[in-house]
């Protein structure tokens, strides 16, 4: 029988993307608390149980290729809110 992993008992790390309502730029980061600050709007997040994985994903999303891929993935979302 396969063991299960209870993620409710582990630390949680979120990689998030905020969109500025002023300049329409993305702001990427990672945190263990997803409370958002104005005038930034939370438009995307991913959940990780490993801090290193979360940091690596944040670095990728901040890269040129990562930003392009993010814009493609959020195309409909961005067209709705911009």
N, C-alpha and C. Protein backbone atom coordinates (compact mmCIF):
# COMPACT_ATOMS: atom_id res chain seq x y z
N UNK A 1 0.83 -1.18 0.00
CA UNK A 1 0.00 0.00 0.00
C UNK A 1 0.88 1.25 0.00
N UNK A 2 0.49 2.25 -0.75
CA UNK A 2 1.24 3.49 -0.87
C UNK A 2 0.93 4.41 0.30
N UNK A 3 1.97 5.00 0.88
CA UNK A 3 1.76 5.96 1.96
C UNK A 3 1.28 7.29 1.38
N UNK A 4 0.45 7.97 2.14
CA UNK A 4 0.00 9.29 1.73
C UNK A 4 0.76 10.34 2.51
N UNK A 5 0.81 11.54 1.96
CA UNK A 5 1.54 12.63 2.58
C UNK A 5 0.54 13.70 2.99
N UNK A 6 0.49 14.02 4.27
CA UNK A 6 -0.47 14.99 4.78
C UNK A 6 0.12 16.40 4.67
N UNK A 7 -0.27 17.12 3.62
CA UNK A 7 0.27 18.46 3.39
C UNK A 7 -0.28 19.49 4.36
N UNK A 8 -1.34 19.18 5.07
CA UNK A 8 -1.91 20.14 6.02
C UNK A 8 -0.99 20.38 7.22
N UNK A 9 -0.04 19.48 7.42
CA UNK A 9 0.87 19.61 8.56
C UNK A 9 2.23 20.16 8.17
N UNK A 10 2.38 20.62 6.96
CA UNK A 10 3.66 21.14 6.51
C UNK A 10 3.58 22.65 6.30
N UNK A 11 4.73 23.25 6.15
CA UNK A 11 4.77 24.68 5.82
C UNK A 11 4.22 24.87 4.41
N UNK A 12 3.67 26.04 4.18
CA UNK A 12 3.11 26.35 2.86
C UNK A 12 3.83 27.57 2.31
N UNK A 13 4.17 27.48 1.06
CA UNK A 13 4.83 28.59 0.37
C UNK A 13 4.06 28.87 -0.91
N UNK A 14 3.82 30.13 -1.17
CA UNK A 14 3.06 30.53 -2.33
C UNK A 14 3.94 31.37 -3.24
N UNK A 15 3.92 31.05 -4.52
CA UNK A 15 4.51 31.92 -5.53
C UNK A 15 3.34 32.69 -6.11
N UNK A 16 3.46 34.00 -6.12
CA UNK A 16 2.32 34.82 -6.54
C UNK A 16 2.71 35.79 -7.64
N UNK A 17 1.70 36.22 -8.37
CA UNK A 17 1.87 37.27 -9.36
C UNK A 17 0.83 38.34 -9.06
N UNK A 18 1.31 39.55 -8.86
CA UNK A 18 0.45 40.70 -8.63
C UNK A 18 0.47 41.55 -9.87
N UNK A 19 -0.62 42.23 -10.14
CA UNK A 19 -0.69 43.15 -11.26
C UNK A 19 -0.97 44.54 -10.71
N UNK A 20 -0.15 45.49 -11.12
CA UNK A 20 -0.33 46.87 -10.67
C UNK A 20 -1.46 47.52 -11.46
N UNK A 21 -2.38 48.14 -10.75
CA UNK A 21 -3.46 48.85 -11.42
C UNK A 21 -2.98 50.19 -11.97
N UNK A 22 -1.81 50.64 -11.53
CA UNK A 22 -1.27 51.93 -12.00
C UNK A 22 -0.49 51.78 -13.30
N UNK A 23 0.47 50.84 -13.32
CA UNK A 23 1.33 50.72 -14.50
C UNK A 23 1.16 49.42 -15.27
N UNK A 24 0.24 48.55 -14.83
CA UNK A 24 -0.06 47.26 -15.48
C UNK A 24 1.15 46.35 -15.59
N UNK A 25 2.07 46.44 -14.63
CA UNK A 25 3.25 45.57 -14.59
C UNK A 25 3.00 44.42 -13.63
N UNK A 26 3.69 43.29 -13.91
CA UNK A 26 3.65 42.13 -13.04
C UNK A 26 4.65 42.31 -11.90
N UNK A 27 4.31 41.80 -10.75
CA UNK A 27 5.23 41.71 -9.63
C UNK A 27 5.15 40.30 -9.11
N UNK A 28 6.27 39.57 -9.17
CA UNK A 28 6.33 38.17 -8.75
C UNK A 28 7.08 38.06 -7.44
N UNK A 29 6.66 37.13 -6.62
CA UNK A 29 7.36 36.89 -5.37
C UNK A 29 6.91 35.58 -4.77
N UNK A 30 7.42 35.30 -3.55
CA UNK A 30 6.93 34.13 -2.84
C UNK A 30 6.81 34.48 -1.37
N UNK A 31 5.89 33.82 -0.70
CA UNK A 31 5.59 34.12 0.69
C UNK A 31 4.93 32.92 1.35
N UNK A 32 4.78 32.98 2.66
CA UNK A 32 3.99 31.95 3.34
C UNK A 32 2.64 32.52 3.77
N UNK A 33 2.34 33.76 3.32
CA UNK A 33 1.08 34.42 3.64
C UNK A 33 0.62 35.20 2.40
N UNK A 34 -0.55 34.90 1.89
CA UNK A 34 -0.99 35.48 0.62
C UNK A 34 -1.82 36.76 0.73
N UNK A 35 -1.71 37.48 1.81
CA UNK A 35 -2.47 38.73 1.92
C UNK A 35 -1.91 39.74 0.92
N UNK A 36 -2.80 40.37 0.17
CA UNK A 36 -2.41 41.26 -0.92
C UNK A 36 -2.49 42.72 -0.47
N UNK A 37 -1.62 43.54 -1.05
CA UNK A 37 -1.62 44.97 -0.76
C UNK A 37 -2.15 45.74 -1.95
N UNK A 38 -2.87 46.78 -1.69
CA UNK A 38 -3.40 47.65 -2.75
C UNK A 38 -2.32 48.59 -3.20
N UNK A 39 -2.26 49.08 -4.39
CA UNK A 39 -3.17 48.91 -5.52
C UNK A 39 -2.81 47.71 -6.39
N UNK A 40 -2.20 46.69 -5.77
CA UNK A 40 -1.82 45.50 -6.50
C UNK A 40 -2.92 44.45 -6.39
N UNK A 41 -3.16 43.77 -7.52
CA UNK A 41 -4.22 42.76 -7.56
C UNK A 41 -3.59 41.38 -7.77
N UNK A 42 -3.97 40.45 -6.91
CA UNK A 42 -3.49 39.07 -7.05
C UNK A 42 -4.19 38.44 -8.24
N UNK A 43 -3.39 38.02 -9.25
CA UNK A 43 -3.99 37.42 -10.44
C UNK A 43 -3.59 35.96 -10.63
N UNK A 44 -2.60 35.49 -9.86
CA UNK A 44 -2.14 34.11 -10.04
C UNK A 44 -1.32 33.71 -8.82
N UNK A 45 -1.47 32.45 -8.40
CA UNK A 45 -0.57 31.93 -7.38
C UNK A 45 -0.45 30.42 -7.52
N UNK A 46 0.65 29.90 -7.01
CA UNK A 46 0.90 28.47 -6.95
C UNK A 46 1.33 28.13 -5.53
N UNK A 47 1.00 26.94 -5.10
CA UNK A 47 1.25 26.48 -3.73
C UNK A 47 2.35 25.43 -3.74
N UNK A 48 3.31 25.59 -2.83
CA UNK A 48 4.41 24.64 -2.71
C UNK A 48 4.57 24.24 -1.24
N UNK A 49 5.07 23.04 -1.00
CA UNK A 49 5.38 22.61 0.36
C UNK A 49 6.88 22.70 0.63
N UNK A 50 7.64 23.04 -0.40
CA UNK A 50 9.09 23.14 -0.27
C UNK A 50 9.54 24.56 -0.62
N UNK A 51 10.24 25.19 0.29
CA UNK A 51 10.67 26.58 0.11
C UNK A 51 11.61 26.73 -1.10
N UNK A 52 12.50 25.79 -1.30
CA UNK A 52 13.44 25.85 -2.43
C UNK A 52 12.71 25.77 -3.77
N UNK A 53 11.70 24.93 -3.85
CA UNK A 53 10.90 24.82 -5.07
C UNK A 53 10.17 26.14 -5.35
N UNK A 54 9.64 26.75 -4.30
CA UNK A 54 8.93 28.03 -4.46
C UNK A 54 9.88 29.11 -4.95
N UNK A 55 11.07 29.18 -4.36
CA UNK A 55 12.06 30.18 -4.79
C UNK A 55 12.47 29.97 -6.25
N UNK A 56 12.67 28.72 -6.63
CA UNK A 56 13.07 28.42 -8.00
C UNK A 56 11.98 28.82 -8.99
N UNK A 57 10.74 28.58 -8.63
CA UNK A 57 9.62 28.96 -9.51
C UNK A 57 9.52 30.47 -9.64
N UNK A 58 9.73 31.20 -8.55
CA UNK A 58 9.72 32.66 -8.57
C UNK A 58 10.81 33.18 -9.51
N UNK A 59 12.00 32.62 -9.41
CA UNK A 59 13.10 33.03 -10.27
C UNK A 59 12.74 32.78 -11.73
N UNK A 60 12.14 31.63 -12.03
CA UNK A 60 11.73 31.34 -13.40
C UNK A 60 10.71 32.35 -13.90
N UNK A 61 9.68 32.65 -13.09
CA UNK A 61 8.64 33.58 -13.53
C UNK A 61 9.17 35.00 -13.73
N UNK A 62 10.26 35.33 -13.05
CA UNK A 62 10.86 36.66 -13.23
C UNK A 62 11.77 36.72 -14.45
N UNK A 63 12.11 35.58 -15.01
CA UNK A 63 12.96 35.57 -16.21
C UNK A 63 12.15 36.00 -17.43
N UNK A 64 12.83 36.39 -18.47
CA UNK A 64 12.14 36.80 -19.70
C UNK A 64 11.23 35.71 -20.25
N UNK A 65 11.75 34.49 -20.30
CA UNK A 65 10.95 33.37 -20.80
C UNK A 65 9.77 33.10 -19.89
N UNK A 66 10.00 33.14 -18.58
CA UNK A 66 8.93 32.90 -17.61
C UNK A 66 7.81 33.93 -17.72
N UNK A 67 8.19 35.20 -17.90
CA UNK A 67 7.17 36.25 -18.06
C UNK A 67 6.34 36.05 -19.33
N UNK A 68 7.02 35.67 -20.41
CA UNK A 68 6.29 35.42 -21.66
C UNK A 68 5.32 34.26 -21.51
N UNK A 69 5.78 33.18 -20.87
CA UNK A 69 4.91 32.02 -20.64
C UNK A 69 3.75 32.38 -19.73
N UNK A 70 4.00 33.20 -18.73
CA UNK A 70 2.95 33.63 -17.82
C UNK A 70 1.90 34.46 -18.56
N UNK A 71 2.35 35.37 -19.41
CA UNK A 71 1.41 36.18 -20.19
C UNK A 71 0.55 35.30 -21.11
N UNK A 72 1.17 34.28 -21.71
CA UNK A 72 0.40 33.35 -22.55
C UNK A 72 -0.65 32.61 -21.72
N UNK A 73 -0.24 32.13 -20.56
CA UNK A 73 -1.15 31.35 -19.71
C UNK A 73 -2.29 32.21 -19.16
N UNK A 74 -2.03 33.49 -18.94
CA UNK A 74 -3.03 34.39 -18.37
C UNK A 74 -3.65 35.31 -19.40
N UNK A 75 -3.56 34.94 -20.66
CA UNK A 75 -4.03 35.79 -21.76
C UNK A 75 -5.48 36.25 -21.56
N UNK A 76 -6.37 35.34 -21.30
CA UNK A 76 -7.79 35.70 -21.15
C UNK A 76 -8.02 36.52 -19.87
N UNK A 77 -7.35 36.17 -18.80
CA UNK A 77 -7.45 36.92 -17.55
C UNK A 77 -7.00 38.36 -17.77
N UNK A 78 -5.85 38.53 -18.42
CA UNK A 78 -5.33 39.88 -18.65
C UNK A 78 -6.23 40.69 -19.57
N UNK A 79 -6.80 40.07 -20.59
CA UNK A 79 -7.68 40.80 -21.50
C UNK A 79 -8.96 41.24 -20.78
N UNK A 80 -9.35 40.51 -19.74
CA UNK A 80 -10.54 40.85 -18.98
C UNK A 80 -10.29 42.02 -18.02
N UNK A 81 -9.12 42.04 -17.39
CA UNK A 81 -8.89 43.04 -16.35
C UNK A 81 -8.11 44.27 -16.80
N UNK A 82 -7.53 44.23 -17.97
CA UNK A 82 -6.78 45.41 -18.44
C UNK A 82 -7.65 46.33 -19.28
